[in-house]
Amino acid sequence: MNHDPQRPQDLIEDAKAEIIGMGKEGLNHPSTAPVLTGAAIGALAGALLPVVSWPVGLIAGAGFALYQRIRK
């Protein structure tokens, strides 16, 4: 997917479509594994950092991995 950074609405729509696809296809969806990996890395980083808790790290890691997937 090719995205224009000036169009945040497109990014939101693409993220929504990707999340729905992951929900329907489960582990068969190509974005599921990278997003789960990002969530695990974020949770680990959140657990190790004194200011951030693991749930915040998990959400941040999953969000970052999802952003990286839809930005491509």
Protein backbone atom coordinates (compact mmCIF):
# COMPACT_ATOMS: atom_id res chain seq x y z
CA MET A 1 0.00 0.00 0.00
CA ASN A 2 1.26 3.44 -0.83
CA HIS A 3 0.21 6.23 1.54
CA ASP A 4 0.36 9.99 1.45
CA PRO A 5 1.34 11.32 4.90
CA GLN A 6 -0.98 14.26 4.31
CA ARG A 7 -4.00 11.93 4.37
CA PRO A 8 -4.43 10.63 7.94
CA GLN A 9 -7.97 9.47 7.15
CA ASP A 10 -6.56 6.97 4.65
CA LEU A 11 -4.21 5.65 7.31
CA ILE A 12 -7.09 5.20 9.74
CA GLU A 13 -9.21 3.42 7.13
CA ASP A 14 -6.31 1.13 6.20
CA ALA A 15 -5.66 0.33 9.88
CA LYS A 16 -9.34 -0.43 10.40
CA ALA A 17 -9.42 -2.74 7.36
CA GLU A 18 -6.21 -4.48 8.51
CA ILE A 19 -7.55 -5.04 12.04
CA ILE A 20 -10.84 -6.41 10.69
CA GLY A 21 -8.90 -8.72 8.36
CA MET A 22 -6.75 -9.97 11.22
CA GLY A 23 -9.87 -10.58 13.29
CA LYS A 24 -11.54 -12.59 10.53
CA GLU A 25 -8.52 -14.56 9.32
CA GLY A 26 -6.71 -14.97 12.64
CA LEU A 27 -3.19 -16.37 12.34
CA ASN A 28 -3.64 -16.88 8.59
CA HIS A 29 -3.57 -13.11 8.00
CA PRO A 30 -0.11 -11.84 6.97
CA SER A 31 -0.16 -9.01 9.53
CA THR A 32 -1.04 -11.10 12.57
CA ALA A 33 2.41 -12.52 13.31
CA PRO A 34 4.31 -9.20 13.02
CA VAL A 35 1.74 -7.39 15.17
CA LEU A 36 1.84 -10.11 17.84
CA THR A 37 5.64 -10.00 17.78
CA GLY A 38 5.56 -6.22 18.17
CA ALA A 39 3.14 -6.57 21.07
CA ALA A 40 5.42 -9.09 22.81
CA ILE A 41 8.50 -6.92 22.34
CA GLY A 42 6.60 -3.87 23.58
CA ALA A 43 5.34 -5.75 26.64
CA LEU A 44 8.85 -6.92 27.46
CA ALA A 45 10.24 -3.39 27.05
CA GLY A 46 7.40 -2.02 29.18
CA ALA A 47 8.14 -4.52 31.92
CA LEU A 48 11.83 -3.57 31.94
CA LEU A 49 11.35 0.21 31.89
CA PRO A 50 10.54 1.81 35.25
CA VAL A 51 8.14 4.46 33.88
CA VAL A 52 6.10 2.29 31.50
CA SER A 53 4.05 -0.75 32.50
CA TRP A 54 3.79 -3.89 30.36
CA PRO A 55 0.21 -3.21 29.14
CA VAL A 56 1.28 0.20 27.82
CA GLY A 57 4.31 -1.38 26.15
CA LEU A 58 2.15 -4.13 24.67
CA ILE A 59 -0.26 -1.62 23.11
CA ALA A 60 2.57 0.61 21.89
CA GLY A 61 4.45 -2.33 20.37
CA ALA A 62 1.36 -3.68 18.61
CA GLY A 63 0.44 -0.22 17.38
CA PHE A 64 3.91 0.41 16.02
CA ALA A 65 4.03 -2.96 14.25
CA LEU A 66 0.59 -2.38 12.74
CA TYR A 67 1.65 1.09 11.56
CA GLN A 68 4.76 -0.38 9.94
CA ARG A 69 2.63 -3.01 8.14
CA ILE A 70 0.05 -0.60 6.71
CA ARG A 71 2.61 2.03 5.80
CA LYS A 72 4.22 -0.31 3.27
